[in-house]
Amino acid sequence: MSSGIGPDLLHVLAVILTGGAIKLADDEADTVPDAAAGRPNLVLLAGGRGLTAYAGMALALAGRLDAGWTLGLFAAAYAAGMFAHPRDRLPSGLAAWQESALVLAGTAWLVRGVLAAALAVVLAVQWVDNEVDGRDGRPPGSWRARALGAGALAWAAALSPLMLGAALLTWGAFTWGLKGRRFRRGAPAWE
């Protein structure tokens, strides 16, 4: 893409847009438990309307800026989410672990050299998120989870510090941007 904007900035913008799409997809999947727990959730805060289209638009724009990073990050986040319930049957008829393996294999073939960094970044951001959740009164991960998370953070920093930095920036903007927001039934938008 020739826009006069440097390639690093295009990478960062692609990560931010992909991170936004991932956050919207995750909040859509977590609508019921988040509502029950009173946790901030973009879908609930927006009244549950139209955010799927925003996620699609964010992914389309991110893909236009950097298709490899966008596909790598989204596939890594999808697989990480599916591994939480590996035996669940998905609409494809496959178990979540099987579909995740196919998604990762296809992505590795399509965007060689990006998927390892994307997986490391997604795992590192998930670990940071879990650690922050622990400070909010929810129990943090075990020592094994912490060791794996710290390893993922180091791995991501070694493979792609720019991708990691942009992803952590995006995570932080959403995490602290939603702090203190509460879903109120019937509220059509941000309070």
Protein backbone atom coordinates (compact mmCIF):
# COMPACT_ATOMS: atom_id res chain seq x y z
CA MET A 1 0.00 0.00 0.00
CA SER A 2 1.57 3.28 -1.07
CA SER A 3 0.21 6.10 1.05
CA GLY A 4 3.28 8.08 2.00
CA ILE A 5 2.95 6.70 5.54
CA GLY A 6 5.90 4.71 6.85
CA PRO A 7 5.61 0.93 7.08
CA ASP A 8 5.98 0.91 10.88
CA LEU A 9 3.00 3.23 11.26
CA LEU A 10 0.96 1.02 8.91
CA HIS A 11 1.87 -1.99 11.06
CA VAL A 12 0.82 -0.17 14.24
CA LEU A 13 -2.49 0.99 12.75
CA ALA A 14 -3.20 -2.55 11.53
CA VAL A 15 -2.56 -3.92 15.04
CA ILE A 16 -4.82 -1.29 16.63
CA LEU A 17 -7.67 -2.02 14.21
CA THR A 18 -7.21 -5.79 14.56
CA GLY A 19 -7.12 -5.46 18.35
CA GLY A 20 -10.37 -3.50 18.21
CA ALA A 21 -12.00 -6.21 16.11
CA ILE A 22 -10.75 -8.89 18.50
CA LYS A 23 -12.10 -6.95 21.50
CA LEU A 24 -15.51 -6.60 19.85
CA ALA A 25 -15.62 -10.31 18.95
CA ASP A 26 -14.54 -11.29 22.48
CA ASP A 27 -17.11 -9.02 24.09
CA GLU A 28 -19.81 -10.45 21.82
CA ALA A 29 -18.89 -13.96 23.00
CA ASP A 30 -18.80 -12.84 26.66
CA THR A 31 -22.00 -10.79 26.68
CA VAL A 32 -23.99 -13.07 29.02
CA PRO A 33 -21.27 -13.71 31.66
CA ASP A 34 -20.17 -10.07 31.59
CA ALA A 35 -23.75 -8.87 32.09
CA ALA A 36 -24.22 -11.28 35.00
CA ALA A 37 -20.98 -10.12 36.63
CA GLY A 38 -21.48 -6.42 35.87
CA ARG A 39 -18.18 -6.28 33.95
CA PRO A 40 -17.68 -3.61 31.29
CA ASN A 41 -18.39 -4.93 27.82
CA LEU A 42 -18.51 -2.90 24.60
CA VAL A 43 -21.48 -4.85 23.22
CA LEU A 44 -23.50 -4.25 26.40
CA LEU A 45 -22.44 -0.61 26.62
CA ALA A 46 -23.57 -0.02 23.04
CA GLY A 47 -26.92 -1.63 23.64
CA GLY A 48 -25.97 -4.78 21.71
CA ARG A 49 -26.49 -3.33 18.26
CA GLY A 50 -24.24 -3.07 15.26
CA LEU A 51 -20.86 -3.88 16.71
CA THR A 52 -20.35 -6.97 14.55
CA ALA A 53 -20.32 -4.69 11.52
CA TYR A 54 -17.77 -2.45 13.22
CA ALA A 55 -15.55 -5.46 13.91
CA GLY A 56 -15.80 -6.48 10.24
CA MET A 57 -14.95 -2.97 9.08
CA ALA A 58 -12.00 -2.74 11.46
CA LEU A 59 -10.65 -6.07 10.14
CA ALA A 60 -11.15 -4.99 6.53
CA LEU A 61 -9.26 -1.73 7.11
CA ALA A 62 -6.51 -3.51 9.06
CA GLY A 63 -6.18 -6.07 6.28
CA ARG A 64 -5.80 -3.28 3.74
CA LEU A 65 -2.98 -1.77 5.81
CA ASP A 66 -1.15 -5.04 6.54
CA ALA A 67 -2.80 -8.31 5.55
CA GLY A 68 -0.13 -10.54 7.11
CA TRP A 69 -0.16 -8.98 10.55
CA THR A 70 -3.95 -8.73 10.56
CA LEU A 71 -4.50 -12.36 9.58
CA GLY A 72 -1.78 -13.58 11.94
CA LEU A 73 -3.11 -11.70 14.96
CA PHE A 74 -6.75 -12.53 14.34
CA ALA A 75 -6.02 -16.23 13.75
CA ALA A 76 -3.84 -16.37 16.88
CA ALA A 77 -6.56 -14.71 18.98
CA TYR A 78 -9.20 -17.01 17.52
CA ALA A 79 -7.14 -20.11 18.31
CA ALA A 80 -6.33 -18.89 21.82
CA GLY A 81 -10.03 -18.31 22.46
CA MET A 82 -11.00 -21.73 21.13
CA PHE A 83 -8.37 -23.51 23.23
CA ALA A 84 -10.23 -22.36 26.35
CA HIS A 85 -12.91 -24.97 25.53
CA PRO A 86 -11.05 -27.42 23.28
CA ARG A 87 -13.75 -30.10 23.15
CA ASP A 88 -16.67 -27.81 22.29
CA ARG A 89 -18.24 -28.54 18.90
CA LEU A 90 -18.27 -25.54 16.61
CA PRO A 91 -20.63 -24.79 13.70
CA SER A 92 -18.12 -26.46 11.35
CA GLY A 93 -18.77 -29.73 13.18
CA LEU A 94 -15.17 -29.84 14.39
CA ALA A 95 -14.01 -29.67 17.97
CA ALA A 96 -12.57 -26.28 18.92
CA TRP A 97 -9.03 -27.67 19.10
CA GLN A 98 -9.36 -29.18 15.60
CA GLU A 99 -10.68 -25.98 14.06
CA SER A 100 -7.96 -23.98 15.82
CA ALA A 101 -5.27 -26.28 14.44
CA LEU A 102 -6.66 -25.88 10.92
CA VAL A 103 -6.88 -22.10 11.26
CA LEU A 104 -3.30 -21.90 12.52
CA ALA A 105 -1.97 -24.25 9.81
CA GLY A 106 -3.73 -22.29 7.07
CA THR A 107 -2.54 -18.99 8.48
CA ALA A 108 1.05 -20.24 8.78
CA TRP A 109 0.93 -21.24 5.13
CA LEU A 110 -0.57 -17.91 4.01
CA VAL A 111 1.55 -15.53 6.07
CA ARG A 112 4.85 -17.24 6.60
CA GLY A 113 7.00 -15.67 9.26
CA VAL A 114 4.21 -13.75 11.00
CA LEU A 115 2.26 -16.37 12.91
CA ALA A 116 4.92 -17.14 15.54
CA ALA A 117 5.14 -13.47 16.49
CA ALA A 118 1.35 -13.11 16.45
CA LEU A 119 0.90 -16.15 18.71
CA ALA A 120 3.53 -14.83 21.13
CA VAL A 121 1.90 -11.39 21.17
CA VAL A 122 -1.61 -12.76 21.76
CA LEU A 123 -0.39 -15.03 24.58
CA ALA A 124 1.61 -12.18 26.14
CA VAL A 125 -1.34 -9.77 26.04
CA GLN A 126 -3.61 -12.47 27.51
CA TRP A 127 -1.12 -13.00 30.32
CA VAL A 128 -0.88 -9.26 31.06
CA ASP A 129 -4.70 -9.09 31.06
CA ASN A 130 -4.92 -12.01 33.50
CA GLU A 131 -2.37 -10.39 35.80
CA VAL A 132 -4.29 -7.10 35.81
CA ASP A 133 -7.55 -8.99 36.46
CA GLY A 134 -5.84 -10.50 39.51
CA ARG A 135 -5.22 -7.02 40.84
CA ASP A 136 -8.94 -6.25 40.42
CA GLY A 137 -9.93 -8.90 42.94
CA ARG A 138 -10.01 -11.90 40.61
CA PRO A 139 -7.39 -14.55 41.26
CA PRO A 140 -4.34 -14.34 38.98
CA GLY A 141 -2.96 -17.39 37.22
CA SER A 142 -0.88 -20.12 38.80
CA TRP A 143 2.91 -19.95 38.85
CA ARG A 144 2.91 -22.12 35.70
CA ALA A 145 0.62 -19.67 33.93
CA ARG A 146 2.83 -16.80 35.06
CA ALA A 147 5.96 -18.55 33.81
CA LEU A 148 4.33 -19.27 30.45
CA GLY A 149 3.05 -15.70 30.23
CA ALA A 150 6.43 -14.19 31.03
CA GLY A 151 7.98 -16.51 28.45
CA ALA A 152 5.41 -15.42 25.86
CA LEU A 153 6.17 -11.78 26.66
CA ALA A 154 9.89 -12.34 26.17
CA TRP A 155 9.25 -14.38 23.00
CA ALA A 156 7.00 -11.65 21.58
CA ALA A 157 9.52 -8.93 22.44
CA ALA A 158 12.26 -10.88 20.67
CA LEU A 159 10.20 -11.69 17.55
CA SER A 160 8.36 -8.41 17.03
CA PRO A 161 8.71 -5.61 19.57
CA LEU A 162 6.65 -3.31 17.34
CA MET A 163 3.72 -5.75 17.17
CA LEU A 164 3.92 -6.36 20.92
CA GLY A 165 4.08 -2.66 21.75
CA ALA A 166 1.13 -1.81 19.50
CA ALA A 167 -0.91 -4.70 20.92
CA LEU A 168 -0.19 -3.70 24.53
CA LEU A 169 -1.08 -0.09 23.70
CA THR A 170 -4.38 -1.24 22.20
CA TRP A 171 -5.11 -3.55 25.14
CA GLY A 172 -4.37 -0.74 27.59
CA ALA A 173 -6.60 1.72 25.77
CA PHE A 174 -9.55 -0.69 25.90
CA THR A 175 -8.87 -1.90 29.43
CA TRP A 176 -8.52 1.49 31.04
CA GLY A 177 -10.98 3.14 28.68
CA LEU A 178 -13.68 0.80 29.99
CA LYS A 179 -12.69 0.98 33.67
CA GLY A 180 -15.59 2.12 35.79
CA ARG A 181 -18.11 1.70 32.98
CA ARG A 182 -21.12 -0.32 33.98
CA PHE A 183 -23.81 -1.88 31.88
CA ARG A 184 -27.24 -0.58 32.76
CA ARG A 185 -30.15 -2.47 31.22
CA GLY A 186 -31.82 -0.27 28.65
CA ALA A 187 -28.90 2.13 28.35
CA PRO A 188 -28.53 2.73 24.61
CA ALA A 189 -24.94 3.93 24.63
CA TRP A 190 -22.06 5.08 26.81
CA GLU A 191 -23.04 6.47 30.19
